[in-house]
Amino acid sequence: MMKIGFPYFFLAIAVASAPFTNEAHAGKLSVLTYNVWGAPFSGKKVRKRHPLIADALKDSGADVIALEEVFDGCLPRKESKTFLKRTAYPYFVKGPRKVGGDRCVNSGVLLLSKHPVLASATLIYNRCSGTDCLARKGVAYAKIEIPGVGPVDFYATHTNAGPGKAANVRLAQAAQIVEFIQKYSGDGERPVVLMGDLNAAPDSPEILLVRNSLGLRDVYSEYVESRDVDEVTRAGYTADPSRNAILSGRGETEKVRIDYLMVRPAAAAFAGAPVTVNRARMIFEAPVIGNWPLSDHFGVQGELEFSASR
């Protein structure tokens, strides 16, 4: 494995428990994004919830997972170790952190992969708003070798939360996402997958900027729009106080879909194979600890199929 630009990102070594094998279905890829609610001083019951989340992730079957709010150093033990050891994913990339600053100050982003990471990089957003300025939110990039597909460029992010001024900050962050992805994937040689908590509704200016500038498809909406599904499934609200007691307990009322999986096939000039969305669903919705689910967000998992091996 290679390592570029230390200390801004890290490539994993194999963990002690049994690693995954590369026996993936040819041309198929399972991806998952989940905000694990690990924000310092607000992510309640972290010691109890995060091991349970890690166990659930291990059982998910996902090839690549993007996690948000994994804030190392803010608690008695490093939370990334909980996920790395219990999930047994042998490769990982951490999001950016402030150089020379408090060890707690990082992006909270963690990419887990069953398959080898060939290269990676990170970006810290230039602007922030409110309490999000206590973190170093940004983007983690990893080029990952997917069996039966070839190298795929993955991007994981967590953008600024909140209305008002925060919306303008998110729009600036969206522009940085576009620039960052164009830097590493602008030639279109490899498929692109963008995952994470973007803190914005599907029709918001920041989401439309990212999608339209990069030609990204919204995996969840593409899947449900072509199927006869119930109203809850069609809406896909990943933050839903009517179904999440953590949010209703905080007095929140707004329902919104803010967690995304987006995909772009490789360019035709590079024999890129069309991508089919075989399945997309919200996960980790059920109560686990009393009437609480595992996080204040629901996760999103998608199953993608490439029509031919690359």
Protein backbone atom coordinates (compact mmCIF):
# COMPACT_ATOMS: atom_id res chain seq x y z
CA MET A 1 0.00 0.00 0.00
CA MET A 2 1.02 3.56 -0.58
CA LYS A 3 0.67 6.63 1.59
CA ILE A 4 0.47 10.17 0.22
CA GLY A 5 0.45 13.53 1.93
CA PHE A 6 0.88 12.45 5.58
CA PRO A 7 -0.74 13.33 7.93
CA TYR A 8 -3.83 14.18 5.97
CA PHE A 9 -4.95 10.66 5.28
CA PHE A 10 -4.18 7.15 6.26
CA LEU A 11 -4.33 3.79 4.52
CA ALA A 12 -5.16 0.86 6.69
CA ILE A 13 -3.22 -2.19 7.63
CA ALA A 14 -5.02 -5.50 7.99
CA VAL A 15 -6.79 -5.79 11.32
CA ALA A 16 -6.32 -8.63 13.74
CA SER A 17 -9.67 -10.33 13.16
CA ALA A 18 -10.38 -12.33 10.02
CA PRO A 19 -10.39 -10.00 6.98
CA PHE A 20 -12.93 -10.07 4.20
CA THR A 21 -12.02 -11.93 1.05
CA ASN A 22 -12.25 -10.46 -2.44
CA GLU A 23 -14.99 -12.87 -3.50
CA ALA A 24 -17.34 -10.10 -4.61
CA HIS A 25 -19.92 -10.67 -7.33
CA ALA A 26 -18.38 -9.60 -10.65
CA GLY A 27 -19.56 -6.17 -11.65
CA LYS A 28 -21.54 -5.54 -8.45
CA LEU A 29 -20.91 -3.04 -5.69
CA SER A 30 -22.66 -2.45 -2.37
CA VAL A 31 -22.21 0.98 -0.78
CA LEU A 32 -23.50 2.41 2.49
CA THR A 33 -23.48 5.80 4.24
CA TYR A 34 -24.32 6.40 7.90
CA ASN A 35 -24.03 9.30 10.32
CA VAL A 36 -23.29 7.54 13.61
CA TRP A 37 -24.09 10.52 15.89
CA GLY A 38 -20.72 10.73 17.58
CA ALA A 39 -20.51 14.51 17.92
CA PRO A 40 -18.71 15.50 21.16
CA PHE A 41 -21.01 16.36 24.05
CA SER A 42 -24.14 15.60 21.99
CA GLY A 43 -23.72 12.05 20.71
CA LYS A 44 -25.38 10.35 23.69
CA LYS A 45 -24.79 6.73 24.72
CA VAL A 46 -21.82 6.57 22.32
CA ARG A 47 -20.07 3.78 24.25
CA LYS A 48 -23.17 1.63 23.97
CA ARG A 49 -24.35 2.59 20.49
CA HIS A 50 -21.13 2.55 18.50
CA PRO A 51 -20.18 -1.09 19.17
CA LEU A 52 -23.72 -2.06 18.16
CA ILE A 53 -23.41 0.05 15.01
CA ALA A 54 -20.08 -1.59 14.18
CA ASP A 55 -21.65 -5.03 14.52
CA ALA A 56 -24.53 -3.99 12.25
CA LEU A 57 -22.11 -2.62 9.66
CA LYS A 58 -20.19 -5.89 9.65
CA ASP A 59 -23.42 -7.72 8.82
CA SER A 60 -24.44 -5.25 6.09
CA GLY A 61 -22.43 -6.87 3.30
CA ALA A 62 -21.35 -3.45 2.00
CA ASP A 63 -18.12 -3.25 0.01
CA VAL A 64 -17.46 0.38 0.96
CA ILE A 65 -18.92 2.36 3.88
CA ALA A 66 -18.86 6.10 4.57
CA LEU A 67 -19.31 7.07 8.22
CA GLU A 68 -19.84 10.56 9.59
CA GLU A 69 -19.33 11.91 13.13
CA VAL A 70 -16.55 9.52 14.12
CA PHE A 71 -14.65 12.00 16.29
CA ASP A 72 -11.45 10.45 17.64
CA GLY A 73 -9.95 11.61 20.88
CA CYS A 74 -13.08 13.30 22.21
CA LEU A 75 -13.95 10.28 24.34
CA PRO A 76 -11.95 7.95 26.61
CA ARG A 77 -11.13 5.72 23.64
CA LYS A 78 -10.69 6.45 19.96
CA GLU A 79 -13.97 5.75 18.26
CA SER A 80 -12.40 4.78 14.92
CA LYS A 81 -10.88 1.75 16.68
CA THR A 82 -14.37 0.59 17.64
CA PHE A 83 -15.42 0.53 13.99
CA LEU A 84 -12.17 -0.82 12.58
CA LYS A 85 -11.81 -3.68 15.05
CA ARG A 86 -15.44 -4.76 15.27
CA THR A 87 -16.28 -4.50 11.57
CA ALA A 88 -12.98 -6.12 10.49
CA TYR A 89 -12.81 -4.02 7.33
CA PRO A 90 -9.15 -4.35 6.36
CA TYR A 91 -8.75 -0.97 4.60
CA PHE A 92 -9.74 2.52 5.66
CA VAL A 93 -9.21 6.20 4.96
CA LYS A 94 -9.73 8.86 7.63
CA GLY A 95 -11.01 12.31 6.81
CA PRO A 96 -8.94 15.45 7.44
CA ARG A 97 -7.91 16.84 10.80
CA LYS A 98 -6.28 20.08 11.92
CA VAL A 99 -2.50 19.76 11.90
CA GLY A 100 -1.02 20.44 15.31
CA GLY A 101 -4.41 21.06 16.86
CA ASP A 102 -6.53 19.28 19.41
CA ARG A 103 -6.69 15.57 18.56
CA CYS A 104 -10.45 15.85 18.89
CA VAL A 105 -10.65 18.33 16.00
CA ASN A 106 -11.20 16.36 12.83
CA SER A 107 -13.80 15.91 10.10
CA GLY A 108 -15.50 12.91 11.69
CA VAL A 109 -15.43 11.15 8.30
CA LEU A 110 -14.23 7.56 8.01
CA LEU A 111 -14.22 5.38 4.87
CA LEU A 112 -14.16 1.60 5.35
CA SER A 113 -13.41 -0.79 2.50
CA LYS A 114 -13.27 -4.54 1.95
CA HIS A 115 -10.98 -3.95 -1.01
CA PRO A 116 -7.52 -2.40 -1.46
CA VAL A 117 -7.13 1.37 -1.41
CA LEU A 118 -4.84 2.42 -4.26
CA ALA A 119 -4.58 6.14 -3.46
CA SER A 120 -6.30 8.75 -1.36
CA ALA A 121 -6.42 12.41 -0.34
CA THR A 122 -8.47 14.77 1.82
CA LEU A 123 -9.87 18.29 1.77
CA ILE A 124 -10.84 20.63 4.61
CA TYR A 125 -13.63 23.08 3.78
CA ASN A 126 -12.61 26.74 3.70
CA ARG A 127 -15.79 27.97 5.37
CA CYS A 128 -17.93 26.89 8.31
CA SER A 129 -20.77 28.18 10.44
CA GLY A 130 -21.85 27.85 14.09
CA THR A 131 -20.73 24.90 16.17
CA ASP A 132 -19.62 23.07 13.02
CA CYS A 133 -16.55 25.32 13.14
CA LEU A 134 -15.39 23.21 16.10
CA ALA A 135 -14.82 20.36 13.63
CA ARG A 136 -12.73 20.26 10.46
CA LYS A 137 -15.41 19.11 8.08
CA GLY A 138 -14.32 18.16 4.60
CA VAL A 139 -13.99 15.33 2.08
CA ALA A 140 -12.11 12.02 2.09
CA TYR A 141 -11.17 10.53 -1.29
CA ALA A 142 -10.14 6.94 -1.97
CA LYS A 143 -9.42 5.14 -5.23
CA ILE A 144 -10.45 1.55 -4.49
CA GLU A 145 -9.97 -1.60 -6.56
CA ILE A 146 -13.39 -3.26 -6.80
CA PRO A 147 -13.35 -6.89 -8.03
CA GLY A 148 -15.15 -7.27 -11.35
CA VAL A 149 -15.36 -3.51 -11.77
CA GLY A 150 -11.84 -2.11 -11.49
CA PRO A 151 -10.72 1.12 -9.80
CA VAL A 152 -13.57 3.29 -8.52
CA ASP A 153 -13.22 6.79 -7.04
CA PHE A 154 -15.07 7.16 -3.72
CA TYR A 155 -15.73 10.43 -1.93
CA ALA A 156 -17.14 10.71 1.61
CA THR A 157 -18.21 13.98 3.19
CA HIS A 158 -20.18 15.74 5.92
CA THR A 159 -21.20 19.32 5.18
CA ASN A 160 -22.31 22.13 7.50
CA ALA A 161 -25.64 21.74 9.29
CA GLY A 162 -28.28 24.38 9.87
CA PRO A 163 -30.43 27.00 8.09
CA GLY A 164 -29.77 30.65 7.24
CA LYS A 165 -26.07 31.49 7.01
CA ALA A 166 -25.21 27.79 7.12
CA ALA A 167 -27.02 27.27 3.80
CA ASN A 168 -24.69 29.77 2.12
CA VAL A 169 -21.72 28.01 3.73
CA ARG A 170 -22.96 24.66 2.39
CA LEU A 171 -23.21 26.12 -1.09
CA ALA A 172 -19.56 27.19 -0.85
CA GLN A 173 -18.68 23.71 0.43
CA ALA A 174 -20.59 22.17 -2.48
CA ALA A 175 -18.44 24.19 -4.87
CA GLN A 176 -15.34 22.79 -3.13
CA ILE A 177 -16.72 19.25 -3.49
CA VAL A 178 -17.11 19.82 -7.22
CA GLU A 179 -13.58 21.19 -7.55
CA PHE A 180 -12.09 18.36 -5.48
CA ILE A 181 -13.84 15.62 -7.47
CA GLN A 182 -12.88 17.26 -10.76
CA LYS A 183 -9.28 17.31 -9.57
CA TYR A 184 -9.10 13.54 -9.01
CA SER A 185 -11.85 12.23 -11.31
CA GLY A 186 -12.23 14.92 -13.95
CA ASP A 187 -10.87 12.74 -16.75
CA GLY A 188 -13.84 10.36 -16.33
CA GLU A 189 -11.57 7.32 -16.49
CA ARG A 190 -13.12 5.74 -13.39
CA PRO A 191 -16.64 5.57 -11.97
CA VAL A 192 -17.37 8.00 -9.14
CA VAL A 193 -19.36 7.39 -5.94
CA LEU A 194 -20.13 10.28 -3.59
CA MET A 195 -21.49 9.38 -0.14
CA GLY A 196 -22.32 11.20 3.04
CA ASP A 197 -24.44 13.54 5.11
CA LEU A 198 -24.88 16.64 2.96
CA ASN A 199 -27.34 18.34 5.34
CA ALA A 200 -29.52 19.53 2.44
CA ALA A 201 -32.73 18.42 0.76
CA PRO A 202 -32.62 16.87 -2.74
CA ASP A 203 -33.95 20.03 -4.43
CA SER A 204 -31.63 22.44 -2.58
CA PRO A 205 -29.15 24.64 -4.51
CA GLU A 206 -26.15 22.85 -2.99
CA ILE A 207 -27.33 19.37 -3.99
CA LEU A 208 -28.28 20.54 -7.48
CA LEU A 209 -24.87 22.21 -7.87
CA VAL A 210 -23.03 18.99 -7.00
CA ARG A 211 -25.23 16.76 -9.14
CA ASN A 212 -25.45 18.99 -12.20
CA SER A 213 -21.78 20.00 -12.21
CA LEU A 214 -20.55 16.42 -11.93
CA GLY A 215 -23.29 14.45 -13.69
CA LEU A 216 -24.08 12.45 -10.54
CA ARG A 217 -27.20 10.31 -10.16
CA ASP A 218 -29.09 10.15 -6.86
CA VAL A 219 -29.12 6.41 -6.17
CA TYR A 220 -32.00 6.37 -3.69
CA SER A 221 -34.40 8.55 -5.64
CA GLU A 222 -33.63 6.75 -8.90
CA TYR A 223 -34.55 3.42 -7.31
CA VAL A 224 -37.79 4.41 -5.55
CA GLU A 225 -39.13 6.59 -8.36
CA SER A 226 -39.38 3.61 -10.68
CA ARG A 227 -41.15 1.37 -8.15
CA ASP A 228 -44.45 1.04 -6.37
CA VAL A 229 -43.42 1.78 -2.79
CA ASP A 230 -45.17 3.20 0.28
CA GLU A 231 -45.06 6.90 1.11
CA VAL A 232 -42.41 6.55 3.83
CA THR A 233 -40.07 4.64 1.54
CA ARG A 234 -40.59 7.07 -1.34
CA ALA A 235 -39.81 10.11 0.83
CA GLY A 236 -36.66 8.48 2.19
CA TYR A 237 -36.36 10.88 5.11
CA THR A 238 -33.10 9.96 6.84
CA ALA A 239 -33.86 12.52 9.56
CA ASP A 240 -37.46 11.82 10.60
CA PRO A 241 -38.73 12.79 14.10
CA SER A 242 -41.97 10.87 13.49
CA ARG A 243 -39.96 7.62 13.30
CA ASN A 244 -36.85 8.49 15.33
CA ALA A 245 -37.32 9.04 19.07
CA ILE A 246 -33.90 10.65 19.36
CA LEU A 247 -35.04 13.54 17.16
CA SER A 248 -38.54 13.82 18.62
CA GLY A 249 -36.99 13.83 22.10
CA ARG A 250 -35.03 16.93 21.08
CA GLY A 251 -38.24 18.62 20.01
CA GLU A 252 -37.45 18.45 16.30
CA THR A 253 -40.34 18.27 13.83
CA GLU A 254 -38.87 18.64 10.33
CA LYS A 255 -38.59 15.56 8.13
CA VAL A 256 -35.80 15.68 5.55
CA ARG A 257 -33.63 13.46 3.37
CA ILE A 258 -30.07 14.64 3.86
CA ASP A 259 -27.94 11.46 3.51
CA TYR A 260 -26.94 10.45 0.00
CA LEU A 261 -25.39 7.91 -2.30
CA MET A 262 -24.57 9.34 -5.74
CA VAL A 263 -22.94 7.63 -8.71
CA ARG A 264 -21.44 8.50 -12.07
CA PRO A 265 -20.27 5.85 -14.55
CA ALA A 266 -16.89 6.10 -16.21
CA ALA A 267 -16.82 8.05 -19.48
CA ALA A 268 -17.56 6.13 -22.67
CA ALA A 269 -14.13 7.10 -23.99
CA PHE A 270 -12.67 4.79 -21.36
CA ALA A 271 -15.08 1.90 -22.09
CA GLY A 272 -17.12 2.82 -19.06
CA ALA A 273 -19.92 0.42 -18.25
CA PRO A 274 -23.42 1.75 -17.56
CA VAL A 275 -24.46 1.48 -13.91
CA THR A 276 -27.78 -0.01 -12.81
CA VAL A 277 -29.23 0.64 -9.36
CA ASN A 278 -30.43 -2.81 -8.30
CA ARG A 279 -31.59 -1.71 -4.87
CA ALA A 280 -31.58 1.24 -2.48
CA ARG A 281 -33.00 1.37 1.02
CA MET A 282 -32.88 3.10 4.37
CA ILE A 283 -31.34 0.94 7.07
CA PHE A 284 -30.92 0.95 10.86
CA GLU A 285 -34.41 2.39 11.38
CA ALA A 286 -35.66 0.08 14.14
CA PRO A 287 -35.43 0.91 17.87
CA VAL A 288 -32.50 -0.87 19.51
CA ILE A 289 -31.83 0.86 22.84
CA GLY A 290 -35.22 1.36 24.45
CA ASN A 291 -37.19 3.34 21.88
CA TRP A 292 -34.00 4.71 20.32
CA PRO A 293 -32.56 3.55 17.00
CA LEU A 294 -28.76 3.43 16.75
CA SER A 295 -28.37 7.05 15.63
CA ASP A 296 -30.28 10.27 15.03
CA HIS A 297 -29.97 9.48 11.30
CA PHE A 298 -31.05 6.44 9.34
CA GLY A 299 -28.44 4.91 7.05
CA VAL A 300 -28.72 4.46 3.28
CA GLN A 301 -27.46 1.40 1.40
CA GLY A 302 -27.38 0.88 -2.35
CA GLU A 303 -26.59 -2.06 -4.59
CA LEU A 304 -25.02 -1.06 -7.92
CA GLU A 305 -24.29 -3.23 -10.95
CA PHE A 306 -21.87 -2.45 -13.75
CA SER A 307 -22.94 -4.00 -17.04
CA ALA A 308 -19.46 -5.27 -17.88
CA SER A 309 -16.16 -5.77 -16.08
CA ARG A 310 -13.60 -3.05 -16.59
